[in-house]
C-alpha atoms as a PDB file:
ATOM      1  CA  MET A   1      -9.716 207.371  85.558  1.00  0.00           C
ATOM      2  CA  ILE A   2      -9.092 206.035  82.103  1.00  0.00           C
ATOM      3  CA  PHE A   3     -12.699 206.766  81.139  1.00  0.00           C
ATOM      4  CA  ASN A   4     -12.100 210.264  82.373  1.00  0.00           C
ATOM      5  CA  LYS A   5      -9.248 210.718  80.358  1.00  0.00           C
ATOM      6  CA  ILE A   6     -10.949 209.041  76.899  1.00  0.00           C
ATOM      7  CA  PHE A   7     -13.958 211.103  77.472  1.00  0.00           C
ATOM      8  CA  GLY A   8     -12.324 214.120  78.791  1.00  0.00           C
ATOM      9  CA  VAL A   9     -14.797 213.971  81.979  1.00  0.00           C
ATOM     10  CA  LYS A  10     -13.606 215.504  85.424  1.00  0.00           C
ATOM     11  CA  SER A  11     -14.664 213.512  88.492  1.00  0.00           C
ATOM     12  CA  VAL A  12     -16.242 215.761  91.225  1.00  0.00           C
ATOM     13  CA  LYS A  13     -15.467 213.236  93.909  1.00  0.00           C
ATOM     14  CA  LYS A  14     -12.913 210.803  94.285  1.00  0.00           C
ATOM     15  CA  ASP A  15     -14.822 207.345  94.550  1.00  0.00           C
ATOM     16  CA  ASN A  16     -12.614 204.284  95.178  1.00  0.00           C
ATOM     17  CA  ARG A  17     -15.100 201.956  94.774  1.00  0.00           C
ATOM     18  CA  GLN A  18     -14.493 198.793  92.141  1.00  0.00           C
ATOM     19  CA  ALA A  19     -17.932 198.318  90.891  1.00  0.00           C
ATOM     20  CA  PHE A  20     -21.306 199.860  90.605  1.00  0.00           C
ATOM     21  CA  ARG A  21     -23.639 199.759  93.394  1.00  0.00           C
ATOM     22  CA  VAL A  22     -27.298 199.021  93.374  1.00  0.00           C
ATOM     23  CA  ALA A  23     -30.149 199.303  95.665  1.00  0.00           C
ATOM     24  CA  ILE A  24     -32.292 196.100  95.624  1.00  0.00           C
ATOM     25  CA  PRO A  25     -35.692 196.440  97.105  1.00  0.00           C
ATOM     26  CA  ASN A  26     -36.726 193.910  99.901  1.00  0.00           C
ATOM     27  CA  LEU A  27     -33.005 192.431  99.907  1.00  0.00           C
ATOM     28  CA  ARG A  28     -32.223 191.531 103.160  1.00  0.00           C
ATOM     29  CA  ALA A  29     -29.082 189.765 104.848  1.00  0.00           C
ATOM     30  CA  LYS A  30     -28.594 187.079 107.712  1.00  0.00           C
ATOM     31  CA  LEU A  31     -25.400 187.085 109.543  1.00  0.00           C
ATOM     32  CA  ALA A  32     -24.370 183.709 110.429  1.00  0.00           C
ATOM     33  CA  GLY A  33     -24.898 182.670 114.222  1.00  0.00           C
ATOM     34  CA  LYS A  34     -27.283 185.649 114.783  1.00  0.00           C
ATOM     35  CA  PRO A  35     -31.261 185.564 114.698  1.00  0.00           C
ATOM     36  CA  MET A  36     -31.793 189.123 113.284  1.00  0.00           C
ATOM     37  CA  SER A  37     -31.341 189.981 109.541  1.00  0.00           C
ATOM     38  CA  PHE A  38     -30.649 193.478 108.227  1.00  0.00           C
ATOM     39  CA  SER A  39     -32.053 195.223 104.961  1.00  0.00           C
ATOM     40  CA  VAL A  40     -29.483 196.017 102.303  1.00  0.00           C
ATOM     41  CA  ARG A  41     -28.715 199.743 101.927  1.00  0.00           C
ATOM     42  CA  ASP A  42     -26.779 198.883  98.660  1.00  0.00           C
ATOM     43  CA  LEU A  43     -25.067 195.940  96.983  1.00  0.00           C
ATOM     44  CA  SER A  44     -22.089 195.672  94.333  1.00  0.00           C
ATOM     45  CA  ALA A  45     -20.437 192.637  93.166  1.00  0.00           C
ATOM     46  CA  THR A  46     -17.255 193.715  95.525  1.00  0.00           C
ATOM     47  CA  GLY A  47     -19.086 194.604  98.801  1.00  0.00           C
ATOM     48  CA  ILE A  48     -22.149 195.632 100.635  1.00  0.00           C
ATOM     49  CA  ALA A  49     -23.883 197.979 102.880  1.00  0.00           C
ATOM     50  CA  LEU A  50     -26.421 197.265 105.814  1.00  0.00           C
ATOM     51  CA  ASN A  51     -28.820 199.398 107.533  1.00  0.00           C
ATOM     52  CA  VAL A  52     -27.817 199.131 111.060  1.00  0.00           C
ATOM     53  CA  SER A  53     -28.823 201.211 114.418  1.00  0.00           C
ATOM     54  CA  GLY A  54     -25.851 202.207 116.257  1.00  0.00           C
ATOM     55  CA  ARG A  55     -22.285 200.621 115.998  1.00  0.00           C
ATOM     56  CA  ALA A  56     -23.325 197.080 115.523  1.00  0.00           C
ATOM     57  CA  PHE A  57     -19.991 195.865 114.465  1.00  0.00           C
ATOM     58  CA  PRO A  58     -16.593 197.171 114.826  1.00  0.00           C
ATOM     59  CA  VAL A  59     -14.444 198.191 111.967  1.00  0.00           C
ATOM     60  CA  ASN A  60     -12.255 195.117 110.713  1.00  0.00           C
ATOM     61  CA  ALA A  61     -14.749 192.717 112.139  1.00  0.00           C
ATOM     62  CA  ARG A  62     -15.294 189.643 109.792  1.00  0.00           C
ATOM     63  CA  LEU A  63     -18.965 188.196 109.207  1.00  0.00           C
ATOM     64  CA  GLU A  64     -20.644 185.648 107.201  1.00  0.00           C
ATOM     65  CA  ILE A  65     -23.542 186.935 105.415  1.00  0.00           C
ATOM     66  CA  SER A  66     -26.489 185.459 102.934  1.00  0.00           C
ATOM     67  CA  LEU A  67     -28.556 187.151 101.077  1.00  0.00           C
ATOM     68  CA  PHE A  68     -32.338 186.724 101.027  1.00  0.00           C
ATOM     69  CA  SER A  69     -35.518 187.922  98.949  1.00  0.00           C
ATOM     70  CA  ALA A  70     -38.957 187.059 100.188  1.00  0.00           C
ATOM     71  CA  GLU A  71     -37.191 184.602 102.317  1.00  0.00           C
ATOM     72  CA  LYS A  72     -35.567 182.784  99.490  1.00  0.00           C
ATOM     73  CA  MET A  73     -31.822 182.617  99.585  1.00  0.00           C
ATOM     74  CA  LEU A  74     -29.704 184.229  96.866  1.00  0.00           C
ATOM     75  CA  VAL A  75     -26.206 183.513  97.721  1.00  0.00           C
ATOM     76  CA  GLY A  76     -24.812 182.395 101.138  1.00  0.00           C
ATOM     77  CA  SER A  77     -21.844 182.348 103.182  1.00  0.00           C
ATOM     78  CA  LEU A  78     -20.104 185.375 101.758  1.00  0.00           C
ATOM     79  CA  GLN A  79     -17.260 186.395 103.565  1.00  0.00           C
ATOM     80  CA  ALA A  80     -17.364 190.090 104.351  1.00  0.00           C
ATOM     81  CA  ARG A  81     -14.985 192.716 106.560  1.00  0.00           C
ATOM     82  CA  VAL A  82     -16.640 195.867 108.021  1.00  0.00           C
ATOM     83  CA  VAL A  83     -14.371 198.752 106.306  1.00  0.00           C
ATOM     84  CA  ARG A  84     -16.754 201.706 107.198  1.00  0.00           C
ATOM     85  CA  LEU A  85     -19.192 202.873 109.654  1.00  0.00           C
ATOM     86  CA  GLY A  86     -21.363 205.831 108.878  1.00  0.00           C
ATOM     87  CA  LYS A  87     -24.897 206.975 110.361  1.00  0.00           C
ATOM     88  CA  GLY A  88     -27.227 203.856 110.487  1.00  0.00           C
ATOM     89  CA  PHE A  89     -25.233 202.328 107.900  1.00  0.00           C
ATOM     90  CA  ALA A  90     -22.018 199.516 107.924  1.00  0.00           C
ATOM     91  CA  GLY A  91     -20.069 198.939 104.859  1.00  0.00           C
ATOM     92  CA  MET A  92     -18.244 195.927 103.850  1.00  0.00           C
ATOM     93  CA  VAL A  93     -15.867 194.437 101.419  1.00  0.00           C
ATOM     94  CA  PHE A  94     -16.338 190.858 100.051  1.00  0.00           C
ATOM     95  CA  GLU A  95     -13.433 188.454 100.928  1.00  0.00           C
ATOM     96  CA  ASN A  96     -12.454 185.356  99.204  1.00  0.00           C
ATOM     97  CA  LEU A  97     -15.542 184.957  97.189  1.00  0.00           C
ATOM     98  CA  SER A  98     -16.043 181.394  95.099  1.00  0.00           C
ATOM     99  CA  ARG A  99     -16.425 182.052  91.453  1.00  0.00           C
ATOM    100  CA  GLN A 100     -20.487 180.886  91.973  1.00  0.00           C
ATOM    101  CA  GLN A 101     -20.781 183.718  94.851  1.00  0.00           C
ATOM    102  CA  SER A 102     -19.150 186.146  92.498  1.00  0.00           C
ATOM    103  CA  ASN A 103     -21.417 185.207  89.711  1.00  0.00           C
ATOM    104  CA  VAL A 104     -24.536 185.375  91.815  1.00  0.00           C
ATOM    105  CA  LEU A 105     -23.346 189.146  92.776  1.00  0.00           C
ATOM    106  CA  HIS A 106     -22.559 190.359  89.273  1.00  0.00           C
ATOM    107  CA  GLU A 107     -25.958 188.869  88.236  1.00  0.00           C
ATOM    108  CA  LEU A 108     -27.608 190.406  90.799  1.00  0.00           C
ATOM    109  CA  CYS A 109     -26.379 193.555  90.285  1.00  0.00           C
ATOM    110  CA  LEU A 110     -26.689 193.703  86.516  1.00  0.00           C
ATOM    111  CA  MET A 111     -30.438 192.714  86.986  1.00  0.00           C
ATOM    112  CA  GLU A 112     -31.153 195.861  89.129  1.00  0.00           C
ATOM    113  CA  GLN A 113     -28.915 197.741  86.696  1.00  0.00           C
ATOM    114  CA  LYS A 114     -30.786 196.661  83.581  1.00  0.00           C
ATOM    115  CA  LYS A 115     -34.125 197.857  85.523  1.00  0.00           C
ATOM    116  CA  LEU A 116     -32.684 201.003  86.537  1.00  0.00           C
ATOM    117  CA  ALA A 117     -32.008 201.631  82.875  1.00  0.00           C
ATOM    118  CA  GLU A 118     -35.353 200.807  81.436  1.00  0.00           C
ATOM    119  CA  LEU A 119     -36.976 203.133  84.130  1.00  0.00           C
ATOM    120  CA  LYS A 120     -34.625 205.967  83.171  1.00  0.00           C
ATOM    121  CA  LYS A 121     -35.569 205.282  79.440  1.00  0.00           C
ATOM    122  CA  LYS A 122     -39.281 205.018  80.303  1.00  0.00           C
ATOM    123  CA  LYS A 123     -38.838 208.432  81.841  1.00  0.00           C
ATOM    124  CA  ALA A 124     -37.310 210.146  79.040  1.00  0.00           C
ATOM    125  CA  GLN A 125     -39.546 208.808  76.790  1.00  0.00           C
ATOM    126  CA  GLN A 126     -42.537 210.523  78.777  1.00  0.00           C
ATOM    127  CA  ALA A 127     -40.453 213.535  78.900  1.00  0.00           C
ATOM    128  CA  ILE A 128     -40.526 213.643  75.134  1.00  0.00           C
ATOM    129  CA  LYS A 129     -44.230 213.083  74.461  1.00  0.00           C
ATOM    130  CA  GLU A 130     -44.949 215.571  77.351  1.00  0.00           C
ATOM    131  CA  LYS A 131     -42.652 217.994  75.150  1.00  0.00           C
ATOM    132  CA  GLU A 132     -44.403 217.413  71.679  1.00  0.00           C
ATOM    133  CA  LEU A 133     -47.909 217.755  73.057  1.00  0.00           C
ATOM    134  CA  ALA A 134     -46.889 221.201  74.910  1.00  0.00           C
ATOM    135  CA  GLU A 135     -45.534 221.898  71.715  1.00  0.00           C
ATOM    136  CA  GLU A 136     -48.494 221.197  69.804  1.00  0.00           C
ATOM    137  CA  LYS A 137     -50.705 223.018  72.166  1.00  0.00           C
ATOM    138  CA  GLY A 138     -48.703 226.364  71.731  1.00  0.00           C
ATOM    139  CA  ASN A 139     -48.192 226.111  67.859  1.00  0.00           C
ATOM    140  CA  GLY A 140     -51.788 225.011  66.960  1.00  0.00           C
ATOM    141  CA  ALA A 141     -51.896 223.381  63.692  1.00  0.00           C
ATOM    142  CA  LYS A 142     -48.136 224.050  62.885  1.00  0.00           C
ATOM    143  CA  LYS A 143     -46.212 220.878  62.366  1.00  0.00           C
ATOM    144  CA  THR A 144     -43.297 219.978  64.992  1.00  0.00           C
ATOM    145  CA  SER A 145     -40.435 218.457  64.294  1.00  0.00           C
ATOM    146  CA  LYS A 146     -40.122 214.789  65.890  1.00  0.00           C
ATOM    147  CA  LEU A 147     -37.735 214.623  68.967  1.00  0.00           C
ATOM    148  CA  THR A 148     -35.572 211.416  69.296  1.00  0.00           C
ATOM    149  CA  LEU A 149     -33.874 209.815  72.627  1.00  0.00           C
ATOM    150  CA  PRO A 150     -30.477 210.194  72.985  1.00  0.00           C
ATOM    151  CA  LYS A 151     -28.359 207.363  71.526  1.00  0.00           C
ATOM    152  CA  ALA A 152     -27.176 206.142  74.731  1.00  0.00           C
ATOM    153  CA  LEU A 153     -30.726 205.496  75.921  1.00  0.00           C
ATOM    154  CA  ASP A 154     -32.225 204.147  72.668  1.00  0.00           C
ATOM    155  CA  ARG A 155     -30.902 200.444  72.484  1.00  0.00           C
ATOM    156  CA  SER A 156     -32.176 199.883  68.891  1.00  0.00           C
ATOM    157  CA  ALA A 157     -29.520 202.927  68.019  1.00  0.00           C
ATOM    158  CA  GLY A 158     -26.572 200.625  68.690  1.00  0.00           C
ATOM    159  CA  LYS A 159     -27.865 197.805  66.907  1.00  0.00           C
ATOM    160  CA  ARG A 160     -26.567 197.024  62.929  1.00  0.00           C
ATOM    161  CA  ARG A 161     -28.755 195.649  60.526  1.00  0.00           C
ATOM    162  CA  ARG A 162     -26.872 192.958  58.254  1.00  0.00           C
END
C-alpha cells in the first residue's frame, strides 16, 4: 500500500500476502506422522503451498512440516495451519516460528529471489545484444548507439565510488 502511494502504482489485484513467494525446484515437505512427502508449490517466510491431490487437509488443520531438498532436511518442525484449499494445492500459514526457523525460511526465499533476479538480468542483457546485432545488420556500416540495462537491473549502477 505505502509503496503504491509513494511510486504512484495502482494495484491490479488485492494481495494479502505478507511476504514474497518463490517456487524452489525439488523442494519437498514431509509431514510429521505421515509416510509420504509433498512437492512444494511455493514458499514464503510466512507460509507455504503444497501440491496435493483432492482435499488432503481440512481448512484450519494444524500440521508439522519439515522441508527437504535432495533428502537433506533444510528446516524442521514448522507449525502450519491450512488457510486455503485450491485446485491441487493447500495453502498454509506458519505459526509460532522460532527465530532460527524464521531465519532459514527468509534465507531460502532470498537465495531464490537472487537467482530469479540474476536470470532476469541475463535475459535483459541477451535481449540488448540481440537488438544491437539486429540494428547492426539493418544499418550496415552505420554506428549504432549503445544500449544499456535499466538501472533497476544493473547492480553496478547503484554502487558509489568513494
